[in-house]
Amino acid sequence: MNKNIYDITIIGGGPVGMFAGFYSGLRNAKVQIIESLDELGGQVNALYPEKTILDVAGFAGLTGRELVNNLKAQLLTMQPDISLNTTVKNVKKVDDFFAIETDKGTTQSRAIIIATGNGSFKPRKLLADNADKYENNQIQYFIKNLDDFKDKQVLVAGGGDSAIDQALMLEKVAKKVYLLHRRNEFRGLERMVSRLKTSSVELVTPYLIKEVQPADGNQITLVAKKMRTDDEFKTITVDKMLVNYGFVADSKAMKNWDINLQTSHRLLKVDSKMQTNIPNVYAVGDQANYDGKQTIIATGFGEVPLAVNGIMQNLYPNSNAPIHSTQLSK
């Protein structure tokens, strides 16, 4: 193996990218991870460190922070090169390797695994009068520290899995939790919806928040309009509001790369081995798209061995990929 060229460069240091780094090490690949944020863990670490993750095999439930810490400990056993706070500006094909240009310099790699999730992200904002005055104080978009909500009156706005998870999580520490959604039905997994309906969380449906007003004691009053009515309103006064309307993702940076990656529904189209239309460029996790894809962490973890083993077979045809887990060793 050429010591000056990486076998595999993983672009993205979220949970799936971290596992890809570990698994690449199991295959004795020379590997580097490039992450644009200043720490590993991706969206899970940045946005959902306190959220309980339920789709990781072998765990009845663990927080996002625990998952990231476990993956980091696992990854570091392979001693990969890790570049944090580093943005990939361009990827060029040069002879039999790729030149990866970043804002910190250029490296060379024989293969690439793209594990960037949905790219850069920002929350969908609360579009209500005066909402911007209270952002990052009474109005927040994710839970960094659960203790910030201890003994507080809290309203969660949203109707999907994340909103339900957050409401149930806050129920353990908050004085009172409301969950407001513009529909009567919730979009979460059946088990989580059942737990919600038997919890102490007060459901406010079908309402949409139209205005935020100041209240005594550093609280805010939320004015919500009942859907399909003209003048039916409800007011709720809380210490904090948590908005969970999802996130707007942006993966436009890849469009500026010299390699022309084929997309499907704005994601990278891959084959059964996770390879894109460019030989030795693979994608895993939320950025990879194929028929029947489920965008959950468990799926991304399962895609990693397919990608890594596919790469190693291409780079080193005489190497033997492990058939069973018992054949893996470090």
Protein backbone atom coordinates (compact mmCIF):
# COMPACT_ATOMS: atom_id res chain seq x y z
CA MET A 1 0.00 0.00 0.00
CA ASN A 2 1.32 3.44 -0.93
CA LYS A 3 1.97 5.29 2.35
CA ASN A 4 1.54 8.69 0.69
CA ILE A 5 -1.94 7.98 -0.64
CA TYR A 6 -4.92 6.99 1.47
CA ASP A 7 -6.81 3.87 0.49
CA ILE A 8 -10.10 5.36 1.68
CA THR A 9 -11.13 8.91 2.47
CA ILE A 10 -14.40 9.24 4.35
CA ILE A 11 -16.08 12.61 3.87
CA GLY A 12 -18.34 13.14 6.87
CA GLY A 13 -17.75 12.27 10.51
CA GLY A 14 -21.26 11.51 11.71
CA PRO A 15 -22.20 8.13 13.22
CA VAL A 16 -22.16 6.29 9.86
CA GLY A 17 -18.89 7.96 8.80
CA MET A 18 -17.30 7.04 12.13
CA PHE A 19 -18.32 3.41 11.76
CA ALA A 20 -16.98 3.45 8.19
CA GLY A 21 -13.64 4.59 9.57
CA PHE A 22 -13.60 1.75 12.08
CA TYR A 23 -14.61 -0.90 9.57
CA SER A 24 -12.03 0.36 7.07
CA GLY A 25 -9.43 -0.15 9.79
CA LEU A 26 -10.59 -3.73 10.24
CA ARG A 27 -9.75 -4.25 6.56
CA ASN A 28 -6.27 -2.75 7.15
CA ALA A 29 -7.04 0.20 4.89
CA LYS A 30 -5.12 3.45 5.26
CA VAL A 31 -7.98 5.80 6.05
CA GLN A 32 -8.74 9.42 6.81
CA ILE A 33 -11.95 11.13 7.91
CA ILE A 34 -12.75 14.72 6.91
CA GLU A 35 -15.45 16.49 8.95
CA SER A 36 -16.65 20.08 8.45
CA LEU A 37 -17.77 20.53 12.06
CA ASP A 38 -15.34 21.00 14.93
CA GLU A 39 -16.12 17.61 16.46
CA LEU A 40 -17.24 14.16 15.37
CA GLY A 41 -20.86 13.03 15.58
CA GLY A 42 -22.63 15.00 12.85
CA GLN A 43 -26.26 15.99 13.33
CA VAL A 44 -26.74 13.52 16.19
CA ASN A 45 -24.07 15.25 18.25
CA ALA A 46 -24.90 18.79 17.13
CA LEU A 47 -28.68 18.62 17.33
CA TYR A 48 -29.83 15.57 19.29
CA PRO A 49 -27.25 14.72 22.00
CA GLU A 50 -29.98 14.08 24.59
CA LYS A 51 -32.37 12.22 22.28
CA THR A 52 -32.84 8.49 22.89
CA ILE A 53 -31.80 6.41 19.88
CA LEU A 54 -33.80 3.19 19.54
CA ASP A 55 -32.68 1.65 16.22
CA VAL A 56 -29.13 0.57 17.16
CA ALA A 57 -28.90 -3.21 17.45
CA GLY A 58 -27.85 -4.49 20.86
CA PHE A 59 -29.09 -1.45 22.80
CA ALA A 60 -32.57 -1.05 24.29
CA GLY A 61 -31.94 2.68 24.02
CA LEU A 62 -29.04 5.11 24.34
CA THR A 63 -28.73 8.85 23.98
CA GLY A 64 -27.21 10.48 20.93
CA ARG A 65 -24.24 11.56 23.05
CA GLU A 66 -23.69 8.00 24.31
CA LEU A 67 -23.87 6.64 20.77
CA VAL A 68 -21.31 9.17 19.51
CA ASN A 69 -18.97 8.52 22.45
CA ASN A 70 -19.14 4.76 21.88
CA LEU A 71 -18.48 5.14 18.16
CA LYS A 72 -15.57 7.48 18.82
CA ALA A 73 -13.96 5.03 21.24
CA GLN A 74 -14.42 2.26 18.68
CA LEU A 75 -13.04 4.40 15.85
CA LEU A 76 -9.91 5.49 17.74
CA THR A 77 -8.81 1.87 18.18
CA MET A 78 -7.93 2.00 14.48
CA GLN A 79 -5.94 5.27 14.77
CA PRO A 80 -7.25 6.89 11.56
CA ASP A 81 -6.22 10.36 10.47
CA ILE A 82 -9.03 12.76 11.37
CA SER A 83 -9.39 16.32 10.06
CA LEU A 84 -12.01 18.38 11.90
CA ASN A 85 -13.35 21.82 10.99
CA THR A 86 -12.29 21.05 7.43
CA THR A 87 -14.43 21.61 4.34
CA VAL A 88 -13.99 19.70 1.09
CA LYS A 89 -13.90 22.25 -1.72
CA ASN A 90 -13.29 19.96 -4.70
CA VAL A 91 -12.61 16.38 -5.72
CA LYS A 92 -10.64 15.68 -8.89
CA LYS A 93 -9.73 12.42 -10.59
CA VAL A 94 -5.96 12.33 -11.20
CA ASP A 95 -4.59 9.15 -12.83
CA ASP A 96 -5.54 6.27 -10.51
CA PHE A 97 -6.37 8.35 -7.44
CA PHE A 98 -8.49 11.32 -6.35
CA ALA A 99 -7.15 14.71 -5.31
CA ILE A 100 -9.27 15.99 -2.42
CA GLU A 101 -8.98 19.74 -2.05
CA THR A 102 -10.03 21.25 1.29
CA ASP A 103 -9.73 24.63 2.94
CA LYS A 104 -6.73 23.18 4.83
CA GLY A 105 -4.84 21.64 1.91
CA THR A 106 -4.98 18.74 -0.58
CA THR A 107 -4.69 15.01 0.06
CA GLN A 108 -4.77 12.00 -2.23
CA SER A 109 -6.94 8.92 -1.96
CA ARG A 110 -7.60 5.87 -4.06
CA ALA A 111 -11.24 5.66 -3.03
CA ILE A 112 -13.85 7.84 -1.32
CA ILE A 113 -16.85 7.14 0.88
CA ILE A 114 -19.29 10.05 1.10
CA ALA A 115 -21.06 9.99 4.47
CA THR A 116 -22.23 13.59 4.71
CA GLY A 117 -25.83 12.87 5.63
CA ASN A 118 -28.01 15.50 3.99
CA GLY A 119 -25.18 18.01 3.93
CA SER A 120 -25.20 21.24 5.89
CA PHE A 121 -28.39 21.82 7.82
CA LYS A 122 -30.44 24.47 9.54
CA PRO A 123 -33.79 24.21 11.35
CA ARG A 124 -37.08 25.20 9.78
CA LYS A 125 -38.00 28.37 11.61
CA LEU A 126 -41.17 29.17 13.50
CA LEU A 127 -43.07 31.53 11.21
CA ALA A 128 -45.05 33.41 13.81
CA ASP A 129 -45.21 37.11 14.65
CA ASN A 130 -42.36 38.18 16.99
CA ALA A 131 -40.83 34.68 17.07
CA ASP A 132 -37.40 35.94 16.04
CA LYS A 133 -37.19 38.11 19.19
CA TYR A 134 -37.11 35.03 21.40
CA GLU A 135 -34.91 32.64 19.41
CA ASN A 136 -31.99 31.05 21.28
CA ASN A 137 -33.61 32.05 24.57
CA GLN A 138 -37.23 31.09 25.23
CA ILE A 139 -37.56 29.59 21.73
CA GLN A 140 -35.10 26.82 20.87
CA TYR A 141 -34.73 24.35 18.03
CA PHE A 142 -32.98 21.44 19.71
CA ILE A 143 -32.06 20.12 23.14
CA LYS A 144 -28.40 20.48 24.01
CA ASN A 145 -28.78 19.98 27.74
CA LEU A 146 -31.87 18.39 29.24
CA ASP A 147 -31.29 20.17 32.56
CA ASP A 148 -32.05 23.51 30.87
CA PHE A 149 -35.70 22.44 30.88
CA LYS A 150 -35.83 21.15 34.44
CA ASP A 151 -38.97 22.25 36.32
CA LYS A 152 -40.04 24.43 33.38
CA GLN A 153 -43.31 24.82 31.54
CA VAL A 154 -42.40 23.67 28.02
CA LEU A 155 -44.25 23.45 24.70
CA VAL A 156 -42.98 21.29 21.84
CA ALA A 157 -44.25 22.20 18.36
CA GLY A 158 -44.27 19.44 15.74
CA GLY A 159 -45.89 16.12 14.91
CA GLY A 160 -43.18 13.71 13.80
CA ASP A 161 -40.99 11.16 15.56
CA SER A 162 -38.49 13.74 16.81
CA ALA A 163 -41.17 15.99 18.30
CA ILE A 164 -42.77 13.03 20.08
CA ASP A 165 -39.39 11.81 21.34
CA GLN A 166 -38.56 15.25 22.68
CA ALA A 167 -41.91 15.65 24.42
CA LEU A 168 -41.54 12.28 26.14
CA MET A 169 -37.94 13.06 27.06
CA LEU A 170 -38.89 16.44 28.53
CA GLU A 171 -41.73 14.85 30.51
CA LYS A 172 -39.08 13.33 32.79
CA VAL A 173 -37.66 16.70 33.89
CA ALA A 174 -40.11 19.48 33.03
CA LYS A 175 -42.90 20.70 35.28
CA LYS A 176 -45.40 20.59 32.41
CA VAL A 177 -45.10 19.60 28.75
CA TYR A 178 -47.44 20.49 25.88
CA LEU A 179 -47.19 19.04 22.38
CA LEU A 180 -48.81 21.22 19.73
CA HIS A 181 -49.44 19.97 16.20
CA ARG A 182 -51.46 21.36 13.31
CA ARG A 183 -53.11 17.99 12.69
CA ASN A 184 -55.00 15.62 14.97
CA GLU A 185 -52.86 12.69 13.83
CA PHE A 186 -49.15 12.31 14.58
CA ARG A 187 -46.60 10.99 12.08
CA GLY A 188 -44.50 9.03 14.57
CA LEU A 189 -43.96 5.30 14.96
CA GLU A 190 -47.03 3.56 16.35
CA ARG A 191 -45.31 2.52 19.58
CA MET A 192 -44.15 6.07 20.30
CA VAL A 193 -47.58 7.54 19.55
CA SER A 194 -49.13 5.03 21.96
CA ARG A 195 -46.64 6.04 24.66
CA LEU A 196 -47.42 9.69 24.01
CA LYS A 197 -51.17 9.19 24.43
CA THR A 198 -50.70 7.47 27.81
CA SER A 199 -48.19 10.05 29.07
CA SER A 200 -48.78 13.26 31.01
CA VAL A 201 -47.96 15.34 27.92
CA GLU A 202 -50.92 17.58 27.09
CA LEU A 203 -51.81 17.36 23.39
CA VAL A 204 -52.89 20.57 21.66
CA THR A 205 -54.38 19.73 18.24
CA PRO A 206 -55.10 20.84 15.59
CA TYR A 207 -53.47 24.22 16.19
CA LEU A 208 -50.82 26.41 14.57
CA ILE A 209 -48.88 29.09 16.44
CA LYS A 210 -49.49 32.53 14.94
CA GLU A 211 -47.92 34.93 17.45
CA VAL A 212 -45.49 35.06 20.37
CA GLN A 213 -46.11 37.60 23.13
CA PRO A 214 -44.06 38.51 26.21
CA ALA A 215 -45.30 37.36 29.61
CA ASP A 216 -44.30 37.90 33.23
CA GLY A 217 -41.30 36.14 34.73
CA ASN A 218 -39.34 35.87 31.49
CA GLN A 219 -42.05 33.63 30.04
CA ILE A 220 -43.74 33.84 26.65
CA THR A 221 -47.37 33.46 25.65
CA LEU A 222 -48.06 31.51 22.49
CA VAL A 223 -51.15 32.43 20.52
CA ALA A 224 -52.34 29.44 18.47
CA LYS A 225 -55.13 29.37 15.93
CA LYS A 226 -57.27 26.29 15.51
CA MET A 227 -56.98 24.92 12.00
CA ARG A 228 -59.93 25.40 9.62
CA THR A 229 -61.45 28.12 11.80
CA ASP A 230 -61.45 31.88 11.41
CA ASP A 231 -61.47 33.10 14.98
CA GLU A 232 -60.89 30.22 17.39
CA PHE A 233 -57.66 30.80 19.32
CA LYS A 234 -55.88 29.29 22.31
CA THR A 235 -53.16 30.92 24.42
CA ILE A 236 -50.51 28.96 26.34
CA THR A 237 -47.88 30.56 28.58
CA VAL A 238 -44.58 28.70 28.94
CA ASP A 239 -40.97 29.16 30.03
CA LYS A 240 -39.57 27.58 26.89
CA MET A 241 -40.73 26.46 23.47
CA LEU A 242 -39.00 23.77 21.44
CA VAL A 243 -39.68 23.96 17.69
CA ASN A 244 -39.37 20.70 15.77
CA TYR A 245 -40.46 21.36 12.21
CA GLY A 246 -37.53 19.50 10.68
CA PHE A 247 -34.41 20.80 8.99
CA VAL A 248 -33.49 22.24 5.63
CA ALA A 249 -30.51 20.36 4.19
CA ASP A 250 -28.03 21.66 1.64
CA SER A 251 -25.60 19.44 -0.26
CA LYS A 252 -24.85 21.96 -3.03
CA ALA A 253 -21.10 21.87 -2.30
CA MET A 254 -20.75 18.57 -4.16
CA LYS A 255 -22.10 20.19 -7.32
CA ASN A 256 -18.88 22.21 -7.51
CA TRP A 257 -16.65 19.13 -7.53
CA ASP A 258 -14.95 18.16 -10.78
CA ILE A 259 -16.34 14.63 -10.60
CA ASN A 260 -19.90 14.49 -11.93
CA LEU A 261 -21.93 12.48 -9.44
CA GLN A 262 -25.32 11.17 -10.52
CA THR A 263 -28.20 12.05 -8.22
CA SER A 264 -31.70 10.81 -7.55
CA HIS A 265 -34.13 13.02 -5.61
CA ARG A 266 -31.17 15.31 -4.76
CA LEU A 267 -29.26 12.42 -3.17
CA LEU A 268 -26.45 10.29 -4.58
CA LYS A 269 -27.63 7.32 -6.61
CA VAL A 270 -25.79 4.12 -5.67
CA ASP A 271 -25.81 0.47 -6.69
CA SER A 272 -26.16 -2.60 -4.47
CA LYS A 273 -22.58 -2.15 -3.25
CA MET A 274 -23.11 1.54 -2.45
CA GLN A 275 -20.97 2.66 -5.41
CA THR A 276 -21.92 5.84 -7.26
CA ASN A 277 -21.60 6.28 -11.02
CA ILE A 278 -17.94 7.17 -10.44
CA PRO A 279 -15.74 4.07 -9.87
CA ASN A 280 -14.31 3.93 -6.33
CA VAL A 281 -16.59 6.70 -5.08
CA TYR A 282 -19.18 5.31 -2.69
CA ALA A 283 -21.93 6.81 -0.55
CA VAL A 284 -23.49 5.57 2.70
CA GLY A 285 -26.03 6.86 5.18
CA ASP A 286 -28.64 9.49 4.40
CA GLN A 287 -26.73 10.75 1.34
CA ALA A 288 -27.05 7.38 -0.46
CA ASN A 289 -30.25 6.68 -2.37
CA TYR A 290 -31.69 3.49 -3.88
CA ASP A 291 -35.08 1.83 -4.17
CA GLY A 292 -36.50 0.95 -0.77
CA LYS A 293 -34.00 3.03 1.20
CA GLN A 294 -34.91 3.73 4.83
CA THR A 295 -33.02 6.74 6.20
CA ILE A 296 -32.28 5.51 9.71
CA ILE A 297 -28.95 4.98 11.48
CA ALA A 298 -29.32 1.19 11.44
CA THR A 299 -29.53 1.23 7.63
CA GLY A 300 -26.40 3.37 7.36
CA PHE A 301 -24.43 1.03 9.60
CA GLY A 302 -25.45 -1.91 7.39
CA GLU A 303 -24.33 -0.08 4.24
CA VAL A 304 -20.79 0.46 5.55
CA PRO A 305 -19.45 -3.13 5.10
CA LEU A 306 -20.89 -3.23 1.58
CA ALA A 307 -19.02 -0.05 0.65
CA VAL A 308 -15.74 -0.85 2.38
CA ASN A 309 -15.58 -4.43 1.14
CA GLY A 310 -16.47 -3.27 -2.36
CA ILE A 311 -13.62 -0.77 -2.28
CA MET A 312 -11.07 -3.23 -0.94
CA GLN A 313 -12.06 -5.77 -3.58
CA ASN A 314 -11.50 -3.13 -6.27
CA LEU A 315 -8.19 -1.92 -4.86
CA TYR A 316 -6.80 -5.28 -3.80
CA PRO A 317 -8.50 -8.05 -5.85
CA ASN A 318 -6.47 -10.78 -4.15
CA SER A 319 -7.58 -9.78 -0.64
CA ASN A 320 -10.26 -11.89 0.99
CA ALA A 321 -13.30 -10.14 2.40
CA PRO A 322 -14.60 -11.60 5.68
CA ILE A 323 -17.62 -13.85 5.29
CA HIS A 324 -18.61 -13.95 8.96
CA SER A 325 -18.18 -11.51 11.86
CA THR A 326 -15.96 -14.06 13.60
CA GLN A 327 -13.38 -13.57 10.85
CA LEU A 328 -12.97 -9.89 11.67
CA SER A 329 -10.04 -9.00 13.91
CA LYS A 330 -7.76 -6.05 14.52
